[in-house]
Amino acid sequence: MRIGTVLVRGPSMVPALRDGDCLVVRRGARVRPGDVVVARYRSRPDLLVVKRAVEERDGGWLLASDNPYVEGPSGVADVEARAVLRYWPLPPRRLS
């Protein structure tokens, strides 16, 4: 398994992720429904997306955006990596 980084672009995963967030991802990691993944839709292999895995289907995954107001490609996607953590920006600290 390989570790890498991904920069989130666009509003499709708001509120969980925002444009400019940086993720550590793990290639080859097991994917479960609800995981945030990096994938390519079979209908748009040139487009790399960050979405939420919903259901395994036809040897790939159905994906969804967290933001209900954003539309994009649909269909089965091939997952390339699973998000492990967001490392930038850091969550705000609470002042005591």
PDB file of N, CA and C in Angstrom:
ATOM      1  N   MET A   1       0.837  -1.180   0.000  1.00  0.00           N
ATOM      2  CA  MET A   1       0.000   0.000   0.000  1.00  0.00           C
ATOM      3  C   MET A   1       0.878   1.239   0.000  1.00  0.00           C
ATOM      4  N   ARG A   2       0.438   2.234  -0.758  1.00  0.00           N
ATOM      5  CA  ARG A   2       1.194   3.477  -0.836  1.00  0.00           C
ATOM      6  C   ARG A   2       0.396   4.622  -0.234  1.00  0.00           C
ATOM      7  N   ILE A   3       1.123   5.555   0.360  1.00  0.00           N
ATOM      8  CA  ILE A   3       0.543   6.751   0.956  1.00  0.00           C
ATOM      9  C   ILE A   3       0.828   7.921   0.024  1.00  0.00           C
ATOM     10  N   GLY A   4      -0.132   8.823  -0.117  1.00  0.00           N
ATOM     11  CA  GLY A   4       0.036  10.013  -0.942  1.00  0.00           C
ATOM     12  C   GLY A   4      -0.796  11.149  -0.391  1.00  0.00           C
ATOM     13  N   THR A   5      -0.821  12.250  -1.115  1.00  0.00           N
ATOM     14  CA  THR A   5      -1.609  13.405  -0.712  1.00  0.00           C
ATOM     15  C   THR A   5      -2.487  13.859  -1.870  1.00  0.00           C
ATOM     16  N   VAL A   6      -3.595  14.496  -1.523  1.00  0.00           N
ATOM     17  CA  VAL A   6      -4.548  15.003  -2.504  1.00  0.00           C
ATOM     18  C   VAL A   6      -5.041  16.363  -2.027  1.00  0.00           C
ATOM     19  N   LEU A   7      -5.180  17.295  -2.955  1.00  0.00           N
ATOM     20  CA  LEU A   7      -5.733  18.610  -2.668  1.00  0.00           C
ATOM     21  C   LEU A   7      -7.191  18.624  -3.127  1.00  0.00           C
ATOM     22  N   VAL A   8      -8.096  18.975  -2.231  1.00  0.00           N
ATOM     23  CA  VAL A   8      -9.523  19.020  -2.556  1.00  0.00           C
ATOM     24  C   VAL A   8      -9.814  20.302  -3.315  1.00  0.00           C
ATOM     25  N   ARG A   9     -10.531  20.176  -4.442  1.00  0.00           N
ATOM     26  CA  ARG A   9     -10.939  21.332  -5.238  1.00  0.00           C
ATOM     27  C   ARG A   9     -12.437  21.279  -5.451  1.00  0.00           C
ATOM     28  N   GLY A  10     -13.118  22.381  -5.195  1.00  0.00           N
ATOM     29  CA  GLY A  10     -14.545  22.475  -5.429  1.00  0.00           C
ATOM     30  C   GLY A  10     -15.372  22.254  -4.172  1.00  0.00           C
ATOM     31  N   PRO A  11     -16.688  22.508  -4.275  1.00  0.00           N
ATOM     32  CA  PRO A  11     -17.581  22.465  -3.115  1.00  0.00           C
ATOM     33  C   PRO A  11     -18.356  21.163  -2.944  1.00  0.00           C
ATOM     34  N   SER A  12     -18.059  20.117  -3.695  1.00  0.00           N
ATOM     35  CA  SER A  12     -18.926  18.939  -3.683  1.00  0.00           C
ATOM     36  C   SER A  12     -18.941  18.178  -2.361  1.00  0.00           C
ATOM     37  N   MET A  13     -17.937  18.339  -1.521  1.00  0.00           N
ATOM     38  CA  MET A  13     -17.903  17.587  -0.263  1.00  0.00           C
ATOM     39  C   MET A  13     -18.168  18.459   0.964  1.00  0.00           C
ATOM     40  N   VAL A  14     -18.624  19.694   0.762  1.00  0.00           N
ATOM     41  CA  VAL A  14     -18.994  20.559   1.879  1.00  0.00           C
ATOM     42  C   VAL A  14     -20.208  19.942   2.563  1.00  0.00           C
ATOM     43  N   PRO A  15     -20.295  19.831   3.856  1.00  0.00           N
ATOM     44  CA  PRO A  15     -19.483  20.478   4.860  1.00  0.00           C
ATOM     45  C   PRO A  15     -18.290  19.663   5.368  1.00  0.00           C
ATOM     46  N   ALA A  16     -18.162  18.401   4.990  1.00  0.00           N
ATOM     47  CA  ALA A  16     -17.069  17.571   5.518  1.00  0.00           C
ATOM     48  C   ALA A  16     -15.708  18.065   5.059  1.00  0.00           C
ATOM     49  N   LEU A  17     -15.598  18.415   3.791  1.00  0.00           N
ATOM     50  CA  LEU A  17     -14.337  18.902   3.224  1.00  0.00           C
ATOM     51  C   LEU A  17     -14.617  20.166   2.434  1.00  0.00           C
ATOM     52  N   ARG A  18     -13.635  21.057   2.423  1.00  0.00           N
ATOM     53  CA  ARG A  18     -13.779  22.323   1.705  1.00  0.00           C
ATOM     54  C   ARG A  18     -12.677  22.466   0.665  1.00  0.00           C
ATOM     55  N   ASP A  19     -12.928  23.325  -0.305  1.00  0.00           N
ATOM     56  CA  ASP A  19     -11.928  23.640  -1.314  1.00  0.00           C
ATOM     57  C   ASP A  19     -10.642  24.077  -0.618  1.00  0.00           C
ATOM     58  N   GLY A  20      -9.529  23.455  -0.969  1.00  0.00           N
ATOM     59  CA  GLY A  20      -8.246  23.791  -0.358  1.00  0.00           C
ATOM     60  C   GLY A  20      -7.807  22.846   0.744  1.00  0.00           C
ATOM     61  N   ASP A  21      -8.695  21.966   1.211  1.00  0.00           N
ATOM     62  CA  ASP A  21      -8.291  20.984   2.218  1.00  0.00           C
ATOM     63  C   ASP A  21      -7.293  20.010   1.605  1.00  0.00           C
ATOM     64  N   CYS A  22      -6.356  19.561   2.399  1.00  0.00           N
ATOM     65  CA  CYS A  22      -5.365  18.573   1.966  1.00  0.00           C
ATOM     66  C   CYS A  22      -5.623  17.260   2.705  1.00  0.00           C
ATOM     67  N   LEU A  23      -5.565  16.164   1.952  1.00  0.00           N
ATOM     68  CA  LEU A  23      -5.835  14.847   2.517  1.00  0.00           C
ATOM     69  C   LEU A  23      -4.636  13.929   2.362  1.00  0.00           C
ATOM     70  N   VAL A  24      -4.423  13.077   3.347  1.00  0.00           N
ATOM     71  CA  VAL A  24      -3.501  11.954   3.208  1.00  0.00           C
ATOM     72  C   VAL A  24      -4.360  10.789   2.743  1.00  0.00           C
ATOM     73  N   VAL A  25      -3.932  10.130   1.663  1.00  0.00           N
ATOM     74  CA  VAL A  25      -4.695   9.009   1.112  1.00  0.00           C
ATOM     75  C   VAL A  25      -3.827   7.768   1.052  1.00  0.00           C
ATOM     76  N   ARG A  26      -4.504   6.632   1.034  1.00  0.00           N
ATOM     77  CA  ARG A  26      -3.806   5.348   1.011  1.00  0.00           C
ATOM     78  C   ARG A  26      -4.305   4.548  -0.188  1.00  0.00           C
ATOM     79  N   ARG A  27      -3.417   4.299  -1.125  1.00  0.00           N
ATOM     80  CA  ARG A  27      -3.765   3.493  -2.301  1.00  0.00           C
ATOM     81  C   ARG A  27      -3.848   2.028  -1.899  1.00  0.00           C
ATOM     82  N   GLY A  28      -4.814   1.328  -2.461  1.00  0.00           N
ATOM     83  CA  GLY A  28      -4.953  -0.098  -2.187  1.00  0.00           C
ATOM     84  C   GLY A  28      -5.632  -0.419  -0.878  1.00  0.00           C
ATOM     85  N   ALA A  29      -6.084   0.600  -0.146  1.00  0.00           N
ATOM     86  CA  ALA A  29      -6.742   0.357   1.134  1.00  0.00           C
ATOM     87  C   ALA A  29      -8.156  -0.163   0.905  1.00  0.00           C
ATOM     88  N   ARG A  30      -8.622  -0.967   1.822  1.00  0.00           N
ATOM     89  CA  ARG A  30      -9.984  -1.481   1.746  1.00  0.00           C
ATOM     90  C   ARG A  30     -10.973  -0.327   1.854  1.00  0.00           C
ATOM     91  N   VAL A  31     -12.006  -0.347   1.029  1.00  0.00           N
ATOM     92  CA  VAL A  31     -13.026   0.704   1.017  1.00  0.00           C
ATOM     93  C   VAL A  31     -14.327   0.133   1.558  1.00  0.00           C
ATOM     94  N   ARG A  32     -14.978   0.909   2.399  1.00  0.00           N
ATOM     95  CA  ARG A  32     -16.274   0.540   2.953  1.00  0.00           C
ATOM     96  C   ARG A  32     -17.257   1.667   2.671  1.00  0.00           C
ATOM     97  N   PRO A  33     -18.550   1.349   2.634  1.00  0.00           N
ATOM     98  CA  PRO A  33     -19.531   2.421   2.456  1.00  0.00           C
ATOM     99  C   PRO A  33     -19.332   3.506   3.507  1.00  0.00           C
ATOM    100  N   GLY A  34     -19.376   4.753   3.072  1.00  0.00           N
ATOM    101  CA  GLY A  34     -19.183   5.888   3.972  1.00  0.00           C
ATOM    102  C   GLY A  34     -17.786   6.459   3.934  1.00  0.00           C
ATOM    103  N   ASP A  35     -16.818   5.717   3.389  1.00  0.00           N
ATOM    104  CA  ASP A  35     -15.440   6.222   3.299  1.00  0.00           C
ATOM    105  C   ASP A  35     -15.338   7.335   2.263  1.00  0.00           C
ATOM    106  N   VAL A  36     -14.456   8.290   2.521  1.00  0.00           N
ATOM    107  CA  VAL A  36     -14.116   9.310   1.531  1.00  0.00           C
ATOM    108  C   VAL A  36     -13.006   8.727   0.661  1.00  0.00           C
ATOM    109  N   VAL A  37     -13.206   8.795  -0.649  1.00  0.00           N
ATOM    110  CA  VAL A  37     -12.268   8.161  -1.577  1.00  0.00           C
ATOM    111  C   VAL A  37     -11.862   9.108  -2.701  1.00  0.00           C
ATOM    112  N   VAL A  38     -10.765   8.754  -3.344  1.00  0.00           N
ATOM    113  CA  VAL A  38     -10.325   9.399  -4.576  1.00  0.00           C
ATOM    114  C   VAL A  38     -10.594   8.394  -5.685  1.00  0.00           C
ATOM    115  N   ALA A  39     -11.299   8.833  -6.727  1.00  0.00           N
ATOM    116  CA  ALA A  39     -11.739   7.882  -7.749  1.00  0.00           C
ATOM    117  C   ALA A  39     -11.840   8.551  -9.118  1.00  0.00           C
ATOM    118  N   ARG A  40     -12.031   7.698 -10.124  1.00  0.00           N
ATOM    119  CA  ARG A  40     -12.277   8.154 -11.499  1.00  0.00           C
ATOM    120  C   ARG A  40     -13.550   7.472 -11.985  1.00  0.00           C
ATOM    121  N   TYR A  41     -14.504   8.291 -12.458  1.00  0.00           N
ATOM    122  CA  TYR A  41     -15.711   7.721 -13.056  1.00  0.00           C
ATOM    123  C   TYR A  41     -15.338   7.074 -14.371  1.00  0.00           C
ATOM    124  N   ARG A  42     -15.942   5.945 -14.636  1.00  0.00           N
ATOM    125  CA  ARG A  42     -15.658   5.246 -15.888  1.00  0.00           C
ATOM    126  C   ARG A  42     -16.090   6.077 -17.087  1.00  0.00           C
ATOM    127  N   SER A  43     -17.100   6.896 -16.922  1.00  0.00           N
ATOM    128  CA  SER A  43     -17.571   7.756 -18.003  1.00  0.00           C
ATOM    129  C   SER A  43     -16.685   8.985 -18.199  1.00  0.00           C
ATOM    130  N   ARG A  44     -15.837   9.305 -17.217  1.00  0.00           N
ATOM    131  CA  ARG A  44     -14.933  10.458 -17.282  1.00  0.00           C
ATOM    132  C   ARG A  44     -13.569  10.094 -16.689  1.00  0.00           C
ATOM    133  N   PRO A  45     -12.820   9.197 -17.322  1.00  0.00           N
ATOM    134  CA  PRO A  45     -11.552   8.744 -16.734  1.00  0.00           C
ATOM    135  C   PRO A  45     -10.494   9.841 -16.610  1.00  0.00           C
ATOM    136  N   ASP A  46     -10.695  10.965 -17.272  1.00  0.00           N
ATOM    137  CA  ASP A  46      -9.755  12.084 -17.181  1.00  0.00           C
ATOM    138  C   ASP A  46      -9.959  12.907 -15.906  1.00  0.00           C
ATOM    139  N   LEU A  47     -11.059  12.681 -15.192  1.00  0.00           N
ATOM    140  CA  LEU A  47     -11.425  13.479 -14.033  1.00  0.00           C
ATOM    141  C   LEU A  47     -11.195  12.700 -12.741  1.00  0.00           C
ATOM    142  N   LEU A  48     -10.345  13.231 -11.871  1.00  0.00           N
ATOM    143  CA  LEU A  48     -10.083  12.647 -10.556  1.00  0.00           C
ATOM    144  C   LEU A  48     -10.982  13.358  -9.553  1.00  0.00           C
ATOM    145  N   VAL A  49     -11.756  12.596  -8.767  1.00  0.00           N
ATOM    146  CA  VAL A  49     -12.720  13.195  -7.841  1.00  0.00           C
ATOM    147  C   VAL A  49     -12.510  12.693  -6.416  1.00  0.00           C
ATOM    148  N   VAL A  50     -12.937  13.516  -5.465  1.00  0.00           N
ATOM    149  CA  VAL A  50     -12.992  13.131  -4.053  1.00  0.00           C
ATOM    150  C   VAL A  50     -14.466  13.066  -3.702  1.00  0.00           C
ATOM    151  N   LYS A  51     -14.935  11.884  -3.342  1.00  0.00           N
ATOM    152  CA  LYS A  51     -16.356  11.658  -3.058  1.00  0.00           C
ATOM    153  C   LYS A  51     -16.494  10.640  -1.929  1.00  0.00           C
ATOM    154  N   ARG A  52     -17.745  10.387  -1.540  1.00  0.00           N
ATOM    155  CA  ARG A  52     -18.040   9.396  -0.511  1.00  0.00           C
ATOM    156  C   ARG A  52     -18.508   8.106  -1.178  1.00  0.00           C
ATOM    157  N   ALA A  53     -17.909   6.994  -0.796  1.00  0.00           N
ATOM    158  CA  ALA A  53     -18.302   5.687  -1.324  1.00  0.00           C
ATOM    159  C   ALA A  53     -19.660   5.316  -0.745  1.00  0.00           C
ATOM    160  N   VAL A  54     -20.582   4.894  -1.633  1.00  0.00           N
ATOM    161  CA  VAL A  54     -21.934   4.559  -1.199  1.00  0.00           C
ATOM    162  C   VAL A  54     -22.177   3.059  -1.256  1.00  0.00           C
ATOM    163  N   GLU A  55     -21.891   2.450  -2.408  1.00  0.00           N
ATOM    164  CA  GLU A  55     -22.227   1.042  -2.598  1.00  0.00           C
ATOM    165  C   GLU A  55     -21.338   0.434  -3.677  1.00  0.00           C
ATOM    166  N   GLU A  56     -20.872  -0.796  -3.436  1.00  0.00           N
ATOM    167  CA  GLU A  56     -20.122  -1.519  -4.469  1.00  0.00           C
ATOM    168  C   GLU A  56     -21.070  -1.918  -5.585  1.00  0.00           C
ATOM    169  N   ARG A  57     -20.599  -1.756  -6.841  1.00  0.00           N
ATOM    170  CA  ARG A  57     -21.428  -2.139  -7.971  1.00  0.00           C
ATOM    171  C   ARG A  57     -20.558  -2.352  -9.203  1.00  0.00           C
ATOM    172  N   ASP A  58     -20.786  -3.467  -9.900  1.00  0.00           N
ATOM    173  CA  ASP A  58     -20.113  -3.764 -11.167  1.00  0.00           C
ATOM    174  C   ASP A  58     -18.591  -3.647 -11.080  1.00  0.00           C
ATOM    175  N   GLY A  59     -18.019  -4.124  -9.990  1.00  0.00           N
ATOM    176  CA  GLY A  59     -16.572  -4.091  -9.828  1.00  0.00           C
ATOM    177  C   GLY A  59     -16.013  -2.730  -9.487  1.00  0.00           C
ATOM    178  N   GLY A  60     -16.873  -1.773  -9.184  1.00  0.00           N
ATOM    179  CA  GLY A  60     -16.457  -0.425  -8.803  1.00  0.00           C
ATOM    180  C   GLY A  60     -17.351   0.066  -7.681  1.00  0.00           C
ATOM    181  N   TRP A  61     -17.498   1.379  -7.580  1.00  0.00           N
ATOM    182  CA  TRP A  61     -18.296   1.967  -6.507  1.00  0.00           C
ATOM    183  C   TRP A  61     -19.228   3.036  -7.047  1.00  0.00           C
ATOM    184  N   LEU A  62     -20.422   3.109  -6.462  1.00  0.00           N
ATOM    185  CA  LEU A  62     -21.277   4.268  -6.652  1.00  0.00           C
ATOM    186  C   LEU A  62     -20.812   5.285  -5.629  1.00  0.00           C
ATOM    187  N   LEU A  63     -20.689   6.534  -6.057  1.00  0.00           N
ATOM    188  CA  LEU A  63     -20.178   7.592  -5.197  1.00  0.00           C
ATOM    189  C   LEU A  63     -21.224   8.673  -5.016  1.00  0.00           C
ATOM    190  N   ALA A  64     -21.053   9.481  -3.968  1.00  0.00           N
ATOM    191  CA  ALA A  64     -21.966  10.596  -3.721  1.00  0.00           C
ATOM    192  C   ALA A  64     -21.194  11.784  -3.189  1.00  0.00           C
ATOM    193  N   SER A  65     -21.726  12.968  -3.464  1.00  0.00           N
ATOM    194  CA  SER A  65     -21.211  14.203  -2.878  1.00  0.00           C
ATOM    195  C   SER A  65     -21.900  14.407  -1.538  1.00  0.00           C
ATOM    196  N   ASP A  66     -21.235  15.058  -0.604  1.00  0.00           N
ATOM    197  CA  ASP A  66     -21.878  15.414   0.657  1.00  0.00           C
ATOM    198  C   ASP A  66     -22.775  16.636   0.474  1.00  0.00           C
ATOM    199  N   ASN A  67     -22.456  17.473  -0.502  1.00  0.00           N
ATOM    200  CA  ASN A  67     -23.195  18.701  -0.755  1.00  0.00           C
ATOM    201  C   ASN A  67     -24.358  18.401  -1.709  1.00  0.00           C
ATOM    202  N   PRO A  68     -25.601  18.492  -1.241  1.00  0.00           N
ATOM    203  CA  PRO A  68     -26.742  18.140  -2.095  1.00  0.00           C
ATOM    204  C   PRO A  68     -26.989  19.130  -3.229  1.00  0.00           C
ATOM    205  N   TYR A  69     -26.331  20.292  -3.198  1.00  0.00           N
ATOM    206  CA  TYR A  69     -26.547  21.318  -4.215  1.00  0.00           C
ATOM    207  C   TYR A  69     -25.559  21.240  -5.372  1.00  0.00           C
ATOM    208  N   VAL A  70     -24.645  20.283  -5.321  1.00  0.00           N
ATOM    209  CA  VAL A  70     -23.638  20.149  -6.375  1.00  0.00           C
ATOM    210  C   VAL A  70     -23.950  18.925  -7.219  1.00  0.00           C
ATOM    211  N   GLU A  71     -24.018  19.130  -8.528  1.00  0.00           N
ATOM    212  CA  GLU A  71     -24.215  18.016  -9.446  1.00  0.00           C
ATOM    213  C   GLU A  71     -22.907  17.738 -10.165  1.00  0.00           C
ATOM    214  N   GLY A  72     -22.721  16.524 -10.569  1.00  0.00           N
ATOM    215  CA  GLY A  72     -21.507  16.154 -11.275  1.00  0.00           C
ATOM    216  C   GLY A  72     -21.715  14.842 -11.993  1.00  0.00           C
ATOM    217  N   PRO A  73     -20.612  14.222 -12.406  1.00  0.00           N
ATOM    218  CA  PRO A  73     -20.728  12.936 -13.101  1.00  0.00           C
ATOM    219  C   PRO A  73     -21.380  11.898 -12.191  1.00  0.00           C
ATOM    220  N   SER A  74     -21.954  10.882 -12.813  1.00  0.00           N
ATOM    221  CA  SER A  74     -22.533   9.799 -12.036  1.00  0.00           C
ATOM    222  C   SER A  74     -22.180   8.479 -12.696  1.00  0.00           C
ATOM    223  N   GLY A  75     -22.596   7.401 -12.066  1.00  0.00           N
ATOM    224  CA  GLY A  75     -22.290   6.080 -12.574  1.00  0.00           C
ATOM    225  C   GLY A  75     -21.253   5.405 -11.707  1.00  0.00           C
ATOM    226  N   VAL A  76     -20.709   4.326 -12.204  1.00  0.00           N
ATOM    227  CA  VAL A  76     -19.727   3.542 -11.457  1.00  0.00           C
ATOM    228  C   VAL A  76     -18.354   4.179 -11.594  1.00  0.00           C
ATOM    229  N   ALA A  77     -17.616   4.197 -10.492  1.00  0.00           N
ATOM    230  CA  ALA A  77     -16.274   4.770 -10.471  1.00  0.00           C
ATOM    231  C   ALA A  77     -15.284   3.740  -9.942  1.00  0.00           C
ATOM    232  N   ASP A  78     -14.049   3.866 -10.387  1.00  0.00           N
ATOM    233  CA  ASP A  78     -12.967   3.022  -9.890  1.00  0.00           C
ATOM    234  C   ASP A  78     -12.196   3.803  -8.834  1.00  0.00           C
ATOM    235  N   VAL A  79     -12.156   3.252  -7.624  1.00  0.00           N
ATOM    236  CA  VAL A  79     -11.488   3.916  -6.510  1.00  0.00           C
ATOM    237  C   VAL A  79      -9.981   3.720  -6.636  1.00  0.00           C
ATOM    238  N   GLU A  80      -9.258   4.820  -6.496  1.00  0.00           N
ATOM    239  CA  GLU A  80      -7.799   4.776  -6.543  1.00  0.00           C
ATOM    240  C   GLU A  80      -7.182   4.820  -5.151  1.00  0.00           C
ATOM    241  N   ALA A  81      -7.872   5.472  -4.204  1.00  0.00           N
ATOM    242  CA  ALA A  81      -7.320   5.589  -2.851  1.00  0.00           C
ATOM    243  C   ALA A  81      -8.439   5.933  -1.876  1.00  0.00           C
ATOM    244  N   ARG A  82      -8.172   5.666  -0.597  1.00  0.00           N
ATOM    245  CA  ARG A  82      -9.098   6.022   0.481  1.00  0.00           C
ATOM    246  C   ARG A  82      -8.463   7.111   1.328  1.00  0.00           C
ATOM    247  N   ALA A  83      -9.230   8.119   1.692  1.00  0.00           N
ATOM    248  CA  ALA A  83      -8.720   9.193   2.542  1.00  0.00           C
ATOM    249  C   ALA A  83      -8.476   8.651   3.950  1.00  0.00           C
ATOM    250  N   VAL A  84      -7.332   9.013   4.502  1.00  0.00           N
ATOM    251  CA  VAL A  84      -6.964   8.581   5.848  1.00  0.00           C
ATOM    252  C   VAL A  84      -7.169   9.716   6.836  1.00  0.00           C
ATOM    253  N   LEU A  85      -6.746  10.933   6.462  1.00  0.00           N
ATOM    254  CA  LEU A  85      -6.944  12.087   7.327  1.00  0.00           C
ATOM    255  C   LEU A  85      -6.792  13.380   6.549  1.00  0.00           C
ATOM    256  N   ARG A  86      -7.379  14.421   7.111  1.00  0.00           N
ATOM    257  CA  ARG A  86      -7.204  15.770   6.577  1.00  0.00           C
ATOM    258  C   ARG A  86      -6.099  16.422   7.394  1.00  0.00           C
ATOM    259  N   TYR A  87      -5.078  16.960   6.712  1.00  0.00           N
ATOM    260  CA  TYR A  87      -3.984  17.556   7.469  1.00  0.00           C
ATOM    261  C   TYR A  87      -3.869  19.055   7.280  1.00  0.00           C
ATOM    262  N   TRP A  88      -4.616  19.630   6.383  1.00  0.00           N
ATOM    263  CA  TRP A  88      -4.593  21.078   6.230  1.00  0.00           C
ATOM    264  C   TRP A  88      -5.907  21.526   5.649  1.00  0.00           C
ATOM    265  N   PRO A  89      -6.501  22.554   6.067  1.00  0.00           N
ATOM    266  CA  PRO A  89      -6.070  23.334   7.231  1.00  0.00           C
ATOM    267  C   PRO A  89      -6.387  22.591   8.519  1.00  0.00           C
ATOM    268  N   LEU A  90      -5.649  22.927   9.531  1.00  0.00           N
ATOM    269  CA  LEU A  90      -5.866  22.281  10.826  1.00  0.00           C
ATOM    270  C   LEU A  90      -7.188  22.760  11.396  1.00  0.00           C
ATOM    271  N   PRO A  91      -7.889  21.895  12.133  1.00  0.00           N
ATOM    272  CA  PRO A  91      -9.157  22.330  12.732  1.00  0.00           C
ATOM    273  C   PRO A  91      -8.912  23.494  13.692  1.00  0.00           C
ATOM    274  N   PRO A  92      -9.852  24.408  13.814  1.00  0.00           N
ATOM    275  CA  PRO A  92      -9.652  25.540  14.744  1.00  0.00           C
ATOM    276  C   PRO A  92      -9.551  25.049  16.181  1.00  0.00           C
ATOM    277  N   ARG A  93      -8.720  25.734  16.940  1.00  0.00           N
ATOM    278  CA  ARG A  93      -8.586  25.399  18.364  1.00  0.00           C
ATOM    279  C   ARG A  93      -9.612  26.181  19.162  1.00  0.00           C
ATOM    280  N   ARG A  94     -10.074  25.552  20.198  1.00  0.00           N
ATOM    281  CA  ARG A  94     -10.975  26.245  21.113  1.00  0.00           C
ATOM    282  C   ARG A  94     -10.139  26.979  22.137  1.00  0.00           C
ATOM    283  N   LEU A  95     -10.498  28.216  22.405  1.00  0.00           N
ATOM    284  CA  LEU A  95      -9.798  28.978  23.425  1.00  0.00           C
ATOM    285  C   LEU A  95     -10.407  28.654  24.781  1.00  0.00           C
ATOM    286  N   SER A  96      -9.538  28.432  25.763  1.00  0.00           N
ATOM    287  CA  SER A  96     -10.038  28.088  27.102  1.00  0.00           C
ATOM    288  C   SER A  96     -10.095  29.315  27.966  1.00  0.00           C
TER     289      SER A  96
END
